[in-house]
Amino acid sequence: MDKPSFVYVTYIRTTPEKLWSAITEPKFARQYWGGNSNVSDWKQGSQWKHVSDDKEACCVGGEVVESVPPKRLVLTWADPDDAADSSRLTLEIEPVEDMVRLSVVHGDFKPGSVMKNKVSQGWPLVLSSMKSFLETGKGIDIWATKSGNAKVTA
C-alpha cells in the first residue's frame, strides 16, 4: 500500500533568505504559527521541536535530516507522545522572479497515522498565515477557523 503524501505549493512575494528565517527563527514563526515556534540549530542530525508559547510544551518534533539554507530543509516529524507515528517533511525554496516558490511535501506516514489527519488540516492554515505574514507583516489567526472567521493577528 502506498503511503500518502500531502503536497502544497505556494508562491510568496519574499526572498529565499526571509522565508528561511520565517521557518527557522522562533521570533518569526510565532507571528504566523499561532504563537508556536520551531527550535533547533538546523544542522543535519540535530533535533528540532515545535513548541508552544511557554517554550516548554513540545507539540511535535524530530530530527533534521537535511539542511541547505536557504533552499531545502528535510525533517522527521512526530508527536513526542507517539514517536512511532513519524513522518517526513520536505520544504524546498526556489526563487521565481520577485518571489519564491515554497514546496512542502509531508509524507511517509505510517499505516493508521493520526498525524496524517492533523497535518492535512494544519498545513493549509499555517502556509496561508506564513504567506500573509511575509507579504503584509501580519499572519492570520490559525485558531479562528472553527468559527469560520479567520482574523489577522497583531
N, C-alpha and C. Protein backbone atom coordinates (compact mmCIF):
# COMPACT_ATOMS: atom_id res chain seq x y z
N MET A 1 0.84 -1.18 0.00
CA MET A 1 0.00 0.00 0.00
C MET A 1 0.89 1.25 0.00
N ASP A 2 0.57 2.21 -0.85
CA ASP A 2 1.31 3.46 -0.90
C ASP A 2 1.07 4.29 0.36
N LYS A 3 2.12 4.93 0.81
CA LYS A 3 1.99 5.85 1.94
C LYS A 3 1.59 7.20 1.36
N PRO A 4 0.51 7.81 1.87
CA PRO A 4 0.05 9.09 1.29
C PRO A 4 1.02 10.22 1.58
N SER A 5 1.05 11.16 0.66
CA SER A 5 1.83 12.38 0.83
C SER A 5 0.93 13.57 0.56
N PHE A 6 1.15 14.62 1.28
CA PHE A 6 0.47 15.88 1.02
C PHE A 6 1.48 16.80 0.39
N VAL A 7 1.10 17.45 -0.70
CA VAL A 7 1.98 18.36 -1.40
C VAL A 7 1.30 19.71 -1.48
N TYR A 8 1.98 20.72 -1.00
CA TYR A 8 1.46 22.09 -1.04
C TYR A 8 2.51 22.96 -1.72
N VAL A 9 2.09 23.74 -2.69
CA VAL A 9 2.98 24.67 -3.37
C VAL A 9 2.36 26.05 -3.28
N THR A 10 3.13 27.00 -2.80
CA THR A 10 2.63 28.37 -2.71
C THR A 10 3.71 29.33 -3.17
N TYR A 11 3.27 30.43 -3.71
CA TYR A 11 4.18 31.48 -4.17
C TYR A 11 4.06 32.66 -3.22
N ILE A 12 5.20 33.14 -2.76
CA ILE A 12 5.22 34.20 -1.75
C ILE A 12 6.13 35.31 -2.24
N ARG A 13 5.65 36.54 -2.17
CA ARG A 13 6.47 37.68 -2.56
C ARG A 13 7.44 37.99 -1.42
N THR A 14 8.60 37.34 -1.48
CA THR A 14 9.65 37.50 -0.48
C THR A 14 10.95 36.96 -1.08
N THR A 15 11.99 36.88 -0.28
CA THR A 15 13.25 36.32 -0.73
C THR A 15 13.45 34.94 -0.08
N PRO A 16 14.29 34.11 -0.67
CA PRO A 16 14.58 32.81 -0.03
C PRO A 16 15.11 32.98 1.40
N GLU A 17 15.94 33.98 1.61
CA GLU A 17 16.52 34.20 2.94
C GLU A 17 15.46 34.58 3.97
N LYS A 18 14.53 35.44 3.59
CA LYS A 18 13.46 35.82 4.53
C LYS A 18 12.52 34.65 4.81
N LEU A 19 12.24 33.85 3.81
CA LEU A 19 11.39 32.67 4.02
C LEU A 19 12.10 31.67 4.92
N TRP A 20 13.38 31.45 4.70
CA TRP A 20 14.14 30.54 5.56
C TRP A 20 14.09 31.02 7.01
N SER A 21 14.28 32.31 7.21
CA SER A 21 14.21 32.88 8.57
C SER A 21 12.83 32.69 9.17
N ALA A 22 11.79 32.87 8.37
CA ALA A 22 10.43 32.70 8.88
C ALA A 22 10.19 31.27 9.36
N ILE A 23 10.80 30.32 8.69
CA ILE A 23 10.64 28.91 9.06
C ILE A 23 11.48 28.56 10.28
N THR A 24 12.70 29.05 10.34
CA THR A 24 13.67 28.56 11.32
C THR A 24 13.89 29.44 12.55
N GLU A 25 13.47 30.70 12.50
CA GLU A 25 13.70 31.58 13.65
C GLU A 25 12.41 31.73 14.47
N PRO A 26 12.47 31.36 15.75
CA PRO A 26 11.27 31.40 16.59
C PRO A 26 10.55 32.74 16.60
N LYS A 27 11.28 33.87 16.63
CA LYS A 27 10.62 35.17 16.70
C LYS A 27 9.73 35.44 15.49
N PHE A 28 10.05 34.83 14.35
CA PHE A 28 9.21 34.98 13.16
C PHE A 28 8.11 33.93 13.11
N ALA A 29 8.45 32.68 13.39
CA ALA A 29 7.45 31.60 13.33
C ALA A 29 6.26 31.88 14.24
N ARG A 30 6.51 32.45 15.42
CA ARG A 30 5.42 32.76 16.35
C ARG A 30 4.39 33.70 15.73
N GLN A 31 4.83 34.54 14.78
CA GLN A 31 3.95 35.54 14.18
C GLN A 31 2.89 34.93 13.27
N TYR A 32 3.14 33.75 12.73
CA TYR A 32 2.18 33.15 11.81
C TYR A 32 1.73 31.75 12.22
N TRP A 33 2.36 31.17 13.23
CA TRP A 33 2.07 29.78 13.59
C TRP A 33 1.30 29.72 14.92
N GLY A 34 0.38 30.64 15.10
CA GLY A 34 -0.48 30.61 16.27
C GLY A 34 0.26 30.75 17.59
N GLY A 35 1.38 31.48 17.59
CA GLY A 35 2.15 31.67 18.80
C GLY A 35 3.20 30.60 19.03
N ASN A 36 3.22 29.56 18.23
CA ASN A 36 4.20 28.49 18.38
C ASN A 36 5.43 28.78 17.54
N SER A 37 6.53 28.10 17.85
CA SER A 37 7.76 28.34 17.11
C SER A 37 8.55 27.05 16.93
N ASN A 38 9.51 27.11 16.04
CA ASN A 38 10.38 25.98 15.75
C ASN A 38 11.77 26.26 16.32
N VAL A 39 12.32 25.29 17.03
CA VAL A 39 13.58 25.50 17.73
C VAL A 39 14.58 24.40 17.36
N SER A 40 15.76 24.82 16.90
CA SER A 40 16.85 23.91 16.56
C SER A 40 18.06 24.75 16.16
N ASP A 41 19.19 24.09 15.98
CA ASP A 41 20.31 24.77 15.34
C ASP A 41 20.28 24.52 13.83
N TRP A 42 19.34 23.69 13.38
CA TRP A 42 19.06 23.41 11.97
C TRP A 42 20.23 22.79 11.24
N LYS A 43 21.06 22.03 11.95
CA LYS A 43 22.15 21.29 11.32
C LYS A 43 21.75 19.83 11.18
N GLN A 44 22.21 19.20 10.11
CA GLN A 44 21.90 17.80 9.86
C GLN A 44 22.23 16.96 11.09
N GLY A 45 21.28 16.11 11.49
CA GLY A 45 21.46 15.24 12.65
C GLY A 45 20.98 15.84 13.95
N SER A 46 20.71 17.15 13.97
CA SER A 46 20.23 17.81 15.19
C SER A 46 18.76 17.52 15.42
N GLN A 47 18.35 17.65 16.66
CA GLN A 47 16.94 17.56 16.99
C GLN A 47 16.28 18.92 16.74
N TRP A 48 14.99 18.91 16.45
CA TRP A 48 14.22 20.13 16.33
C TRP A 48 12.91 19.89 17.08
N LYS A 49 12.28 20.97 17.51
CA LYS A 49 10.97 20.83 18.14
C LYS A 49 10.12 22.06 17.85
N HIS A 50 8.84 21.80 17.77
CA HIS A 50 7.82 22.83 17.58
C HIS A 50 7.20 23.03 18.96
N VAL A 51 7.37 24.21 19.52
CA VAL A 51 6.98 24.45 20.91
C VAL A 51 5.92 25.53 21.02
N SER A 52 5.17 25.45 22.10
CA SER A 52 4.13 26.44 22.38
C SER A 52 4.74 27.72 22.93
N ASP A 53 3.89 28.69 23.19
CA ASP A 53 4.33 29.99 23.69
C ASP A 53 5.27 29.90 24.87
N ASP A 54 4.99 28.98 25.79
CA ASP A 54 5.79 28.90 27.01
C ASP A 54 7.13 28.20 26.80
N LYS A 55 7.40 27.74 25.59
CA LYS A 55 8.65 27.09 25.20
C LYS A 55 8.91 25.80 25.95
N GLU A 56 7.93 25.32 26.67
CA GLU A 56 8.09 24.08 27.42
C GLU A 56 7.39 22.92 26.72
N ALA A 57 6.16 23.14 26.29
CA ALA A 57 5.37 22.06 25.71
C ALA A 57 5.77 21.84 24.25
N CYS A 58 6.30 20.67 23.98
CA CYS A 58 6.69 20.31 22.62
C CYS A 58 5.48 19.66 21.94
N CYS A 59 4.99 20.30 20.89
CA CYS A 59 3.81 19.80 20.17
C CYS A 59 4.19 18.71 19.17
N VAL A 60 5.34 18.88 18.55
CA VAL A 60 5.83 17.95 17.54
C VAL A 60 7.34 18.17 17.43
N GLY A 61 8.05 17.19 16.96
CA GLY A 61 9.49 17.35 16.81
C GLY A 61 10.09 16.20 16.02
N GLY A 62 11.40 16.19 15.97
CA GLY A 62 12.08 15.13 15.24
C GLY A 62 13.54 15.48 15.01
N GLU A 63 14.05 15.00 13.89
CA GLU A 63 15.46 15.18 13.55
C GLU A 63 15.59 15.95 12.24
N VAL A 64 16.62 16.77 12.16
CA VAL A 64 16.96 17.46 10.92
C VAL A 64 17.70 16.45 10.05
N VAL A 65 17.08 16.05 8.94
CA VAL A 65 17.66 15.07 8.03
C VAL A 65 18.60 15.75 7.04
N GLU A 66 18.17 16.92 6.56
CA GLU A 66 18.96 17.67 5.58
C GLU A 66 18.67 19.15 5.78
N SER A 67 19.71 19.97 5.68
CA SER A 67 19.55 21.41 5.84
C SER A 67 20.50 22.13 4.89
N VAL A 68 19.91 22.80 3.90
CA VAL A 68 20.68 23.54 2.91
C VAL A 68 20.09 24.96 2.83
N PRO A 69 20.47 25.84 3.77
CA PRO A 69 19.91 27.19 3.77
C PRO A 69 20.28 27.96 2.51
N PRO A 70 19.45 28.76 1.96
CA PRO A 70 18.01 28.89 2.19
C PRO A 70 17.20 28.14 1.13
N LYS A 71 17.58 26.90 0.85
CA LYS A 71 16.97 26.18 -0.26
C LYS A 71 16.14 24.96 0.12
N ARG A 72 16.59 24.20 1.12
CA ARG A 72 15.94 22.91 1.38
C ARG A 72 16.10 22.53 2.85
N LEU A 73 15.00 22.03 3.41
CA LEU A 73 15.00 21.54 4.78
C LEU A 73 14.17 20.26 4.83
N VAL A 74 14.77 19.20 5.34
CA VAL A 74 14.08 17.91 5.46
C VAL A 74 14.11 17.50 6.93
N LEU A 75 12.94 17.16 7.47
CA LEU A 75 12.81 16.83 8.88
C LEU A 75 12.01 15.54 9.06
N THR A 76 12.32 14.78 10.12
CA THR A 76 11.37 13.78 10.57
C THR A 76 10.38 14.54 11.45
N TRP A 77 9.17 14.00 11.57
CA TRP A 77 8.08 14.74 12.21
C TRP A 77 7.25 13.75 13.03
N ALA A 78 7.14 13.96 14.34
CA ALA A 78 6.34 13.07 15.18
C ALA A 78 5.88 13.78 16.44
N ASP A 79 4.74 13.34 16.94
CA ASP A 79 4.24 13.79 18.24
C ASP A 79 5.13 13.14 19.29
N PRO A 80 5.67 13.89 20.25
CA PRO A 80 6.56 13.28 21.25
C PRO A 80 5.87 12.19 22.08
N ASP A 81 4.55 12.22 22.15
CA ASP A 81 3.81 11.19 22.89
C ASP A 81 3.58 9.93 22.07
N ASP A 82 3.89 9.98 20.77
CA ASP A 82 3.72 8.83 19.89
C ASP A 82 4.78 8.86 18.80
N ALA A 83 6.03 8.66 19.20
CA ALA A 83 7.17 8.75 18.28
C ALA A 83 7.09 7.73 17.15
N ALA A 84 6.37 6.64 17.34
CA ALA A 84 6.25 5.63 16.30
C ALA A 84 5.43 6.15 15.11
N ASP A 85 4.60 7.14 15.35
CA ASP A 85 3.77 7.73 14.29
C ASP A 85 4.55 8.85 13.61
N SER A 86 5.73 8.51 13.10
CA SER A 86 6.58 9.53 12.50
C SER A 86 6.31 9.66 11.00
N SER A 87 6.70 10.78 10.46
CA SER A 87 6.56 11.06 9.04
C SER A 87 7.74 11.92 8.61
N ARG A 88 7.71 12.35 7.37
CA ARG A 88 8.84 13.12 6.82
C ARG A 88 8.32 14.38 6.17
N LEU A 89 8.96 15.50 6.47
CA LEU A 89 8.60 16.80 5.92
C LEU A 89 9.75 17.32 5.09
N THR A 90 9.46 17.73 3.85
CA THR A 90 10.46 18.34 2.99
C THR A 90 9.96 19.71 2.56
N LEU A 91 10.78 20.72 2.80
CA LEU A 91 10.47 22.08 2.35
C LEU A 91 11.53 22.49 1.33
N GLU A 92 11.08 22.91 0.16
CA GLU A 92 12.01 23.37 -0.88
C GLU A 92 11.66 24.79 -1.26
N ILE A 93 12.67 25.64 -1.30
CA ILE A 93 12.51 27.07 -1.57
C ILE A 93 13.24 27.39 -2.87
N GLU A 94 12.51 27.96 -3.82
CA GLU A 94 13.11 28.27 -5.11
C GLU A 94 12.73 29.68 -5.54
N PRO A 95 13.72 30.52 -5.86
CA PRO A 95 13.38 31.87 -6.31
C PRO A 95 12.71 31.83 -7.69
N VAL A 96 11.70 32.68 -7.84
CA VAL A 96 10.99 32.83 -9.12
C VAL A 96 10.72 34.33 -9.28
N GLU A 97 11.51 34.97 -10.12
CA GLU A 97 11.43 36.42 -10.33
C GLU A 97 11.47 37.16 -9.00
N ASP A 98 10.42 37.92 -8.64
CA ASP A 98 10.44 38.70 -7.40
C ASP A 98 9.74 37.98 -6.25
N MET A 99 9.69 36.66 -6.32
CA MET A 99 9.02 35.87 -5.28
C MET A 99 9.75 34.54 -5.13
N VAL A 100 9.21 33.70 -4.26
CA VAL A 100 9.74 32.35 -4.11
C VAL A 100 8.59 31.35 -4.22
N ARG A 101 8.96 30.18 -4.68
CA ARG A 101 8.01 29.07 -4.68
C ARG A 101 8.41 28.17 -3.52
N LEU A 102 7.47 27.98 -2.60
CA LEU A 102 7.68 27.09 -1.47
C LEU A 102 6.91 25.80 -1.75
N SER A 103 7.65 24.70 -1.83
CA SER A 103 7.03 23.38 -2.00
C SER A 103 7.17 22.63 -0.68
N VAL A 104 6.04 22.19 -0.16
CA VAL A 104 6.01 21.45 1.09
C VAL A 104 5.47 20.05 0.78
N VAL A 105 6.25 19.03 1.09
CA VAL A 105 5.82 17.65 0.91
C VAL A 105 5.88 16.98 2.27
N HIS A 106 4.74 16.53 2.73
CA HIS A 106 4.67 15.84 4.02
C HIS A 106 4.16 14.44 3.73
N GLY A 107 4.99 13.44 4.00
CA GLY A 107 4.63 12.07 3.65
C GLY A 107 5.32 11.05 4.50
N ASP A 108 5.40 9.83 3.96
CA ASP A 108 5.95 8.68 4.67
C ASP A 108 5.22 8.42 5.97
N PHE A 109 3.89 8.57 5.94
CA PHE A 109 3.08 8.30 7.13
C PHE A 109 2.98 6.80 7.36
N LYS A 110 2.93 6.42 8.61
CA LYS A 110 2.74 5.03 8.98
C LYS A 110 1.27 4.66 8.76
N PRO A 111 0.96 3.38 8.49
CA PRO A 111 -0.44 2.96 8.36
C PRO A 111 -1.22 3.33 9.62
N GLY A 112 -2.40 3.89 9.44
CA GLY A 112 -3.24 4.29 10.57
C GLY A 112 -2.77 5.54 11.28
N SER A 113 -1.91 6.32 10.66
CA SER A 113 -1.34 7.51 11.28
C SER A 113 -2.41 8.51 11.72
N VAL A 114 -2.32 8.94 12.97
CA VAL A 114 -3.16 10.02 13.49
C VAL A 114 -2.61 11.35 12.99
N MET A 115 -1.29 11.45 12.88
CA MET A 115 -0.65 12.69 12.45
C MET A 115 -1.08 13.07 11.03
N LYS A 116 -1.34 12.10 10.19
CA LYS A 116 -1.73 12.37 8.80
C LYS A 116 -2.94 13.30 8.76
N ASN A 117 -3.93 13.03 9.58
CA ASN A 117 -5.13 13.89 9.60
C ASN A 117 -4.83 15.27 10.16
N LYS A 118 -3.96 15.33 11.15
CA LYS A 118 -3.60 16.62 11.74
C LYS A 118 -2.91 17.52 10.73
N VAL A 119 -1.92 16.98 10.01
CA VAL A 119 -1.18 17.83 9.08
C VAL A 119 -2.00 18.19 7.86
N SER A 120 -2.93 17.33 7.47
CA SER A 120 -3.75 17.65 6.29
C SER A 120 -4.64 18.86 6.56
N GLN A 121 -5.00 19.09 7.80
CA GLN A 121 -5.79 20.25 8.17
C GLN A 121 -4.91 21.44 8.55
N GLY A 122 -3.75 21.16 9.13
CA GLY A 122 -2.90 22.22 9.64
C GLY A 122 -2.08 22.96 8.61
N TRP A 123 -1.48 22.24 7.66
CA TRP A 123 -0.60 22.90 6.70
C TRP A 123 -1.27 24.00 5.89
N PRO A 124 -2.47 23.81 5.36
CA PRO A 124 -3.08 24.92 4.60
C PRO A 124 -3.23 26.19 5.42
N LEU A 125 -3.58 26.08 6.70
CA LEU A 125 -3.71 27.24 7.56
C LEU A 125 -2.37 27.90 7.84
N VAL A 126 -1.37 27.10 8.20
CA VAL A 126 -0.06 27.63 8.54
C VAL A 126 0.58 28.29 7.32
N LEU A 127 0.49 27.66 6.16
CA LEU A 127 1.10 28.23 4.96
C LEU A 127 0.41 29.50 4.52
N SER A 128 -0.91 29.57 4.67
CA SER A 128 -1.64 30.81 4.36
C SER A 128 -1.21 31.93 5.30
N SER A 129 -1.07 31.59 6.57
CA SER A 129 -0.65 32.58 7.55
C SER A 129 0.79 33.04 7.30
N MET A 130 1.67 32.10 6.94
CA MET A 130 3.05 32.45 6.64
C MET A 130 3.12 33.40 5.45
N LYS A 131 2.37 33.11 4.41
CA LYS A 131 2.34 33.97 3.22
C LYS A 131 1.86 35.37 3.60
N SER A 132 0.79 35.43 4.36
CA SER A 132 0.26 36.72 4.79
C SER A 132 1.30 37.48 5.62
N PHE A 133 1.94 36.78 6.55
CA PHE A 133 2.95 37.41 7.41
C PHE A 133 4.10 37.97 6.58
N LEU A 134 4.62 37.19 5.66
CA LEU A 134 5.77 37.64 4.87
C LEU A 134 5.41 38.77 3.92
N GLU A 135 4.19 38.80 3.43
CA GLU A 135 3.81 39.83 2.46
C GLU A 135 3.23 41.08 3.10
N THR A 136 2.64 40.95 4.29
CA THR A 136 1.99 42.11 4.91
C THR A 136 2.52 42.45 6.30
N GLY A 137 3.27 41.52 6.89
CA GLY A 137 3.74 41.73 8.25
C GLY A 137 2.79 41.22 9.31
N LYS A 138 1.65 40.64 8.88
CA LYS A 138 0.66 40.12 9.83
C LYS A 138 0.17 38.75 9.37
N GLY A 139 0.28 37.77 10.28
CA GLY A 139 -0.27 36.46 9.99
C GLY A 139 -1.75 36.43 10.30
N ILE A 140 -2.42 35.36 9.89
CA ILE A 140 -3.84 35.20 10.23
C ILE A 140 -3.94 34.39 11.53
N ASP A 141 -5.08 34.45 12.16
CA ASP A 141 -5.32 33.67 13.37
C ASP A 141 -5.66 32.25 12.94
N ILE A 142 -4.69 31.35 13.02
CA ILE A 142 -4.93 29.99 12.54
C ILE A 142 -5.89 29.22 13.44
N TRP A 143 -6.17 29.73 14.63
CA TRP A 143 -7.09 29.05 15.55
C TRP A 143 -8.53 29.50 15.34
N ALA A 144 -8.77 30.50 14.50
CA ALA A 144 -10.12 31.06 14.33
C ALA A 144 -10.99 30.26 13.36
N THR A 145 -10.46 29.26 12.72
CA THR A 145 -11.20 28.58 11.66
C THR A 145 -12.42 27.81 12.16
N LYS A 146 -12.44 27.42 13.41
CA LYS A 146 -13.62 26.71 13.91
C LYS A 146 -14.86 27.57 13.84
N SER A 147 -14.70 28.89 14.00
CA SER A 147 -15.84 29.79 13.92
C SER A 147 -16.08 30.21 12.47
N GLY A 148 -15.13 29.88 11.59
CA GLY A 148 -15.28 30.25 10.19
C GLY A 148 -14.81 31.66 9.90
N ASN A 149 -14.27 32.35 10.90
CA ASN A 149 -13.83 33.72 10.72
C ASN A 149 -12.35 33.86 11.07
N ALA A 150 -11.49 33.64 10.10
CA ALA A 150 -10.06 33.82 10.36
C ALA A 150 -9.78 35.29 10.57
N LYS A 151 -9.00 35.62 11.60
CA LYS A 151 -8.69 37.00 11.93
C LYS A 151 -7.21 37.25 11.72
N VAL A 152 -6.86 38.46 11.50
CA VAL A 152 -5.45 38.83 11.37
C VAL A 152 -4.91 39.04 12.78
N THR A 153 -3.72 38.47 13.04
CA THR A 153 -3.11 38.65 14.36
C THR A 153 -2.20 39.87 14.34
N ALA A 154 -2.00 40.44 15.49
CA ALA A 154 -1.15 41.63 15.60
C ALA A 154 0.30 41.27 15.63
